[in-house]
C-alpha atoms as a PDB file:
ATOM      1  CA  UNK A   1      32.611 100.351 -66.867  1.00  0.00           C
ATOM      2  CA  UNK A   2      33.655  97.214 -66.049  1.00  0.00           C
ATOM      3  CA  UNK A   3      31.244  95.255 -68.686  1.00  0.00           C
ATOM      4  CA  UNK A   4      32.606  97.396 -71.738  1.00  0.00           C
ATOM      5  CA  UNK A   5      35.617  96.635 -70.172  1.00  0.00           C
ATOM      6  CA  UNK A   6      35.621  92.766 -69.504  1.00  0.00           C
ATOM      7  CA  UNK A   7      32.679  92.032 -72.227  1.00  0.00           C
ATOM      8  CA  UNK A   8      29.421  91.583 -71.463  1.00  0.00           C
ATOM      9  CA  UNK A   9      29.520  87.150 -71.638  1.00  0.00           C
ATOM     10  CA  UNK A  10      32.495  87.916 -69.035  1.00  0.00           C
ATOM     11  CA  UNK A  11      31.023  89.830 -67.091  1.00  0.00           C
ATOM     12  CA  UNK A  12      28.051  88.616 -66.173  1.00  0.00           C
ATOM     13  CA  UNK A  13      30.104  85.059 -66.133  1.00  0.00           C
ATOM     14  CA  UNK A  14      31.777  86.756 -63.144  1.00  0.00           C
ATOM     15  CA  UNK A  15      28.946  87.899 -61.514  1.00  0.00           C
ATOM     16  CA  UNK A  16      27.393  84.566 -61.708  1.00  0.00           C
ATOM     17  CA  UNK A  17      30.227  82.856 -60.223  1.00  0.00           C
ATOM     18  CA  UNK A  18      30.085  85.926 -57.573  1.00  0.00           C
ATOM     19  CA  UNK A  19      27.203  85.355 -56.476  1.00  0.00           C
ATOM     20  CA  UNK A  20      26.819  81.737 -56.777  1.00  0.00           C
ATOM     21  CA  UNK A  21      30.413  81.011 -54.542  1.00  0.00           C
ATOM     22  CA  UNK A  22      28.937  83.572 -51.508  1.00  0.00           C
ATOM     23  CA  UNK A  23      25.532  83.955 -51.324  1.00  0.00           C
ATOM     24  CA  UNK A  24      25.049  83.034 -47.788  1.00  0.00           C
ATOM     25  CA  UNK A  25      28.402  84.651 -46.603  1.00  0.00           C
ATOM     26  CA  UNK A  26      29.842  87.945 -46.056  1.00  0.00           C
ATOM     27  CA  UNK A  27      32.462  89.109 -48.983  1.00  0.00           C
ATOM     28  CA  UNK A  28      34.812  92.001 -48.784  1.00  0.00           C
ATOM     29  CA  UNK A  29      35.624  93.535 -53.010  1.00  0.00           C
ATOM     30  CA  UNK A  30      38.376  91.578 -53.344  1.00  0.00           C
ATOM     31  CA  UNK A  31      36.007  89.048 -54.266  1.00  0.00           C
ATOM     32  CA  UNK A  32      34.466  90.761 -56.872  1.00  0.00           C
ATOM     33  CA  UNK A  33      37.376  91.878 -58.497  1.00  0.00           C
ATOM     34  CA  UNK A  34      38.451  87.788 -58.162  1.00  0.00           C
ATOM     35  CA  UNK A  35      35.644  86.606 -59.380  1.00  0.00           C
ATOM     36  CA  UNK A  36      35.453  88.924 -62.065  1.00  0.00           C
ATOM     37  CA  UNK A  37      38.953  88.224 -63.141  1.00  0.00           C
ATOM     38  CA  UNK A  38      38.533  84.339 -63.388  1.00  0.00           C
ATOM     39  CA  UNK A  39      35.634  84.939 -65.714  1.00  0.00           C
ATOM     40  CA  UNK A  40      37.696  87.106 -68.232  1.00  0.00           C
ATOM     41  CA  UNK A  41      39.081  85.760 -71.299  1.00  0.00           C
ATOM     42  CA  UNK A  42      41.838  88.301 -71.238  1.00  0.00           C
ATOM     43  CA  UNK A  43      42.834  87.942 -68.457  1.00  0.00           C
ATOM     44  CA  UNK A  44      42.447  91.143 -66.732  1.00  0.00           C
ATOM     45  CA  UNK A  45      43.318  91.769 -63.276  1.00  0.00           C
ATOM     46  CA  UNK A  46      40.802  93.551 -62.404  1.00  0.00           C
ATOM     47  CA  UNK A  47      41.094  93.599 -58.531  1.00  0.00           C
ATOM     48  CA  UNK A  48      44.745  95.812 -59.451  1.00  0.00           C
ATOM     49  CA  UNK A  49      42.835  97.247 -61.816  1.00  0.00           C
ATOM     50  CA  UNK A  50      40.186  98.286 -59.229  1.00  0.00           C
ATOM     51  CA  UNK A  51      42.091  99.302 -56.192  1.00  0.00           C
ATOM     52  CA  UNK A  52      42.523 102.917 -56.638  1.00  0.00           C
ATOM     53  CA  UNK A  53      38.907 103.175 -57.801  1.00  0.00           C
ATOM     54  CA  UNK A  54      37.666 102.309 -54.409  1.00  0.00           C
ATOM     55  CA  UNK A  55      41.085 104.099 -52.495  1.00  0.00           C
ATOM     56  CA  UNK A  56      40.519 107.401 -53.956  1.00  0.00           C
ATOM     57  CA  UNK A  57      38.839 110.074 -52.608  1.00  0.00           C
ATOM     58  CA  UNK A  58      39.331 111.115 -56.166  1.00  0.00           C
ATOM     59  CA  UNK A  59      38.376 110.243 -59.998  1.00  0.00           C
ATOM     60  CA  UNK A  60      40.428 111.028 -62.869  1.00  0.00           C
ATOM     61  CA  UNK A  61      39.730 113.381 -66.328  1.00  0.00           C
ATOM     62  CA  UNK A  62      41.447 112.180 -69.167  1.00  0.00           C
ATOM     63  CA  UNK A  63      43.110 115.285 -70.615  1.00  0.00           C
ATOM     64  CA  UNK A  64      43.697 114.456 -74.911  1.00  0.00           C
ATOM     65  CA  UNK A  65      45.878 116.183 -76.894  1.00  0.00           C
ATOM     66  CA  UNK A  66      45.722 115.733 -80.767  1.00  0.00           C
ATOM     67  CA  UNK A  67      48.823 116.228 -83.345  1.00  0.00           C
ATOM     68  CA  UNK A  68      48.217 114.892 -86.591  1.00  0.00           C
ATOM     69  CA  UNK A  69      47.288 111.103 -86.134  1.00  0.00           C
ATOM     70  CA  UNK A  70      49.106 110.954 -83.153  1.00  0.00           C
ATOM     71  CA  UNK A  71      46.788 111.443 -79.490  1.00  0.00           C
ATOM     72  CA  UNK A  72      48.140 111.608 -76.389  1.00  0.00           C
ATOM     73  CA  UNK A  73      46.078 111.581 -73.021  1.00  0.00           C
ATOM     74  CA  UNK A  74      47.469 111.802 -69.402  1.00  0.00           C
ATOM     75  CA  UNK A  75      45.757 111.172 -66.568  1.00  0.00           C
ATOM     76  CA  UNK A  76      44.741 113.547 -63.312  1.00  0.00           C
ATOM     77  CA  UNK A  77      42.933 113.801 -59.864  1.00  0.00           C
ATOM     78  CA  UNK A  78      39.738 115.332 -60.984  1.00  0.00           C
ATOM     79  CA  UNK A  79      39.201 117.859 -57.818  1.00  0.00           C
ATOM     80  CA  UNK A  80      37.665 121.437 -57.822  1.00  0.00           C
ATOM     81  CA  UNK A  81      39.496 122.176 -55.129  1.00  0.00           C
ATOM     82  CA  UNK A  82      43.397 123.295 -54.934  1.00  0.00           C
ATOM     83  CA  UNK A  83      43.670 120.479 -52.550  1.00  0.00           C
ATOM     84  CA  UNK A  84      46.520 117.910 -51.337  1.00  0.00           C
ATOM     85  CA  UNK A  85      44.810 115.840 -52.977  1.00  0.00           C
ATOM     86  CA  UNK A  86      44.724 117.710 -56.349  1.00  0.00           C
ATOM     87  CA  UNK A  87      48.348 117.704 -56.305  1.00  0.00           C
ATOM     88  CA  UNK A  88      48.560 113.662 -55.715  1.00  0.00           C
ATOM     89  CA  UNK A  89      50.341 111.149 -58.107  1.00  0.00           C
ATOM     90  CA  UNK A  90      48.061 108.847 -58.265  1.00  0.00           C
ATOM     91  CA  UNK A  91      47.143 106.383 -61.036  1.00  0.00           C
ATOM     92  CA  UNK A  92      43.736 104.507 -62.059  1.00  0.00           C
ATOM     93  CA  UNK A  93      44.042 102.011 -64.653  1.00  0.00           C
ATOM     94  CA  UNK A  94      41.378 103.808 -66.773  1.00  0.00           C
ATOM     95  CA  UNK A  95      39.896 101.644 -69.983  1.00  0.00           C
ATOM     96  CA  UNK A  96      40.148 104.323 -72.190  1.00  0.00           C
ATOM     97  CA  UNK A  97      37.218 104.403 -74.893  1.00  0.00           C
ATOM     98  CA  UNK A  98      37.682 106.527 -77.953  1.00  0.00           C
ATOM     99  CA  UNK A  99      35.750 107.272 -80.925  1.00  0.00           C
ATOM    100  CA  UNK A 100      37.728 108.559 -83.794  1.00  0.00           C
ATOM    101  CA  UNK A 101      35.372 110.093 -86.639  1.00  0.00           C
ATOM    102  CA  UNK A 102      35.952 109.661 -89.942  1.00  0.00           C
ATOM    103  CA  UNK A 103      35.126 112.188 -92.757  1.00  0.00           C
ATOM    104  CA  UNK A 104      32.369 109.128 -94.074  1.00  0.00           C
ATOM    105  CA  UNK A 105      30.732 110.308 -90.707  1.00  0.00           C
ATOM    106  CA  UNK A 106      31.864 107.139 -89.535  1.00  0.00           C
ATOM    107  CA  UNK A 107      32.770 106.934 -85.633  1.00  0.00           C
ATOM    108  CA  UNK A 108      35.268 103.506 -84.802  1.00  0.00           C
ATOM    109  CA  UNK A 109      35.415 102.813 -81.611  1.00  0.00           C
ATOM    110  CA  UNK A 110      39.115 101.708 -79.730  1.00  0.00           C
ATOM    111  CA  UNK A 111      39.698 100.631 -76.364  1.00  0.00           C
ATOM    112  CA  UNK A 112      43.505 101.594 -75.159  1.00  0.00           C
ATOM    113  CA  UNK A 113      44.559 100.090 -71.240  1.00  0.00           C
ATOM    114  CA  UNK A 114      45.611 104.067 -70.136  1.00  0.00           C
ATOM    115  CA  UNK A 115      47.648 102.980 -66.708  1.00  0.00           C
ATOM    116  CA  UNK A 116      50.706 105.021 -66.253  1.00  0.00           C
ATOM    117  CA  UNK A 117      50.241 109.500 -66.047  1.00  0.00           C
ATOM    118  CA  UNK A 118      50.658 109.419 -70.144  1.00  0.00           C
ATOM    119  CA  UNK A 119      49.899 107.319 -72.472  1.00  0.00           C
ATOM    120  CA  UNK A 120      50.125 107.713 -76.984  1.00  0.00           C
ATOM    121  CA  UNK A 121      48.158 106.311 -79.444  1.00  0.00           C
ATOM    122  CA  UNK A 122      48.019 106.628 -83.761  1.00  0.00           C
ATOM    123  CA  UNK A 123      43.952 107.364 -84.912  1.00  0.00           C
ATOM    124  CA  UNK A 124      43.831 107.349 -89.222  1.00  0.00           C
ATOM    125  CA  UNK A 125      45.049 110.623 -90.616  1.00  0.00           C
ATOM    126  CA  UNK A 126      41.532 111.370 -91.956  1.00  0.00           C
ATOM    127  CA  UNK A 127      39.721 111.455 -88.431  1.00  0.00           C
ATOM    128  CA  UNK A 128      37.586 115.099 -87.787  1.00  0.00           C
ATOM    129  CA  UNK A 129      38.029 114.276 -84.317  1.00  0.00           C
ATOM    130  CA  UNK A 130      38.331 112.245 -81.203  1.00  0.00           C
ATOM    131  CA  UNK A 131      35.505 111.780 -78.998  1.00  0.00           C
ATOM    132  CA  UNK A 132      36.992 110.256 -75.636  1.00  0.00           C
ATOM    133  CA  UNK A 133      35.155 107.907 -73.453  1.00  0.00           C
ATOM    134  CA  UNK A 134      32.960 107.036 -76.429  1.00  0.00           C
ATOM    135  CA  UNK A 135      29.570 105.547 -75.228  1.00  0.00           C
ATOM    136  CA  UNK A 136      29.979 107.262 -71.245  1.00  0.00           C
ATOM    137  CA  UNK A 137      31.168 103.599 -70.504  1.00  0.00           C
ATOM    138  CA  UNK A 138      34.023 105.061 -67.922  1.00  0.00           C
ATOM    139  CA  UNK A 139      33.888 107.384 -64.657  1.00  0.00           C
ATOM    140  CA  UNK A 140      35.940 109.796 -65.357  1.00  0.00           C
ATOM    141  CA  UNK A 141      36.174 113.367 -66.729  1.00  0.00           C
ATOM    142  CA  UNK A 142      38.077 114.343 -70.775  1.00  0.00           C
ATOM    143  CA  UNK A 143      39.482 117.743 -71.509  1.00  0.00           C
ATOM    144  CA  UNK A 144      40.457 117.852 -75.141  1.00  0.00           C
ATOM    145  CA  UNK A 145      43.398 120.756 -76.709  1.00  0.00           C
ATOM    146  CA  UNK A 146      41.266 123.932 -78.094  1.00  0.00           C
ATOM    147  CA  UNK A 147      41.566 122.718 -81.503  1.00  0.00           C
ATOM    148  CA  UNK A 148      39.717 119.090 -80.311  1.00  0.00           C
ATOM    149  CA  UNK A 149      37.454 121.281 -78.393  1.00  0.00           C
ATOM    150  CA  UNK A 150      37.484 123.175 -81.651  1.00  0.00           C
ATOM    151  CA  UNK A 151      36.695 120.513 -84.205  1.00  0.00           C
ATOM    152  CA  UNK A 152      34.131 118.678 -81.597  1.00  0.00           C
ATOM    153  CA  UNK A 153      32.290 121.757 -81.685  1.00  0.00           C
ATOM    154  CA  UNK A 154      32.120 122.400 -85.171  1.00  0.00           C
ATOM    155  CA  UNK A 155      30.355 118.957 -85.842  1.00  0.00           C
ATOM    156  CA  UNK A 156      28.135 119.766 -82.915  1.00  0.00           C
ATOM    157  CA  UNK A 157      26.866 122.869 -85.212  1.00  0.00           C
ATOM    158  CA  UNK A 158      26.913 120.640 -88.462  1.00  0.00           C
ATOM    159  CA  UNK A 159      25.386 117.259 -86.787  1.00  0.00           C
ATOM    160  CA  UNK A 160      25.056 117.333 -83.160  1.00  0.00           C
ATOM    161  CA  UNK A 161      22.861 113.827 -83.988  1.00  0.00           C
ATOM    162  CA  UNK A 162      26.777 111.941 -85.622  1.00  0.00           C
ATOM    163  CA  UNK A 163      26.577 111.846 -81.879  1.00  0.00           C
ATOM    164  CA  UNK A 164      24.300 109.551 -79.474  1.00  0.00           C
ATOM    165  CA  UNK A 165      22.756 111.366 -76.303  1.00  0.00           C
ATOM    166  CA  UNK A 166      24.495 110.589 -74.226  1.00  0.00           C
ATOM    167  CA  UNK A 167      27.917 111.306 -75.564  1.00  0.00           C
ATOM    168  CA  UNK A 168      26.370 114.452 -76.467  1.00  0.00           C
ATOM    169  CA  UNK A 169      25.210 115.624 -72.449  1.00  0.00           C
ATOM    170  CA  UNK A 170      29.124 114.269 -71.841  1.00  0.00           C
ATOM    171  CA  UNK A 171      30.751 116.618 -73.444  1.00  0.00           C
ATOM    172  CA  UNK A 172      28.261 118.957 -72.560  1.00  0.00           C
ATOM    173  CA  UNK A 173      29.020 118.417 -69.097  1.00  0.00           C
ATOM    174  CA  UNK A 174      32.319 117.743 -69.193  1.00  0.00           C
ATOM    175  CA  UNK A 175      32.556 121.248 -71.621  1.00  0.00           C
ATOM    176  CA  UNK A 176      30.881 123.499 -68.169  1.00  0.00           C
ATOM    177  CA  UNK A 177      32.945 121.758 -65.995  1.00  0.00           C
ATOM    178  CA  UNK A 178      36.219 122.998 -67.422  1.00  0.00           C
ATOM    179  CA  UNK A 179      35.598 126.139 -68.588  1.00  0.00           C
ATOM    180  CA  UNK A 180      34.846 127.264 -65.337  1.00  0.00           C
END
């Protein structure tokens, strides 16, 4: 997840810096986050972004709601049981990669940094569907509004190979999870 967010070059620069600076010493996770932040050309604050990922009992589910070309995404903790943690107001920093499939059968891959409970963005009016966690780079589940699930199912029935094997597996896993 961090590698796709920072980009391969910045990620590897940060890893090399971290290993070089700490090769004979003890470390804490903040040392890694700092090295990755320092290597980010976009000046991402990796430490603050990773804080909730390291301390929370749960991980997030991002719910995608589409209304025409407007996409609304909402994050919540993902926990099966009705526990106090499932009522948490935790907010992760989520690099939300998505793919929008156009009518020509091409996906455009983009990223929105979800820092709040809810965010929204626009996609092309002619997009047939949106696939969250496109490329399976993130450690979170994705649920969709009923119409978006129908569009995904129709595409899978029509031409399932438009999705990579990993994206198909991710869709199937999430679908089974959310229909329990």
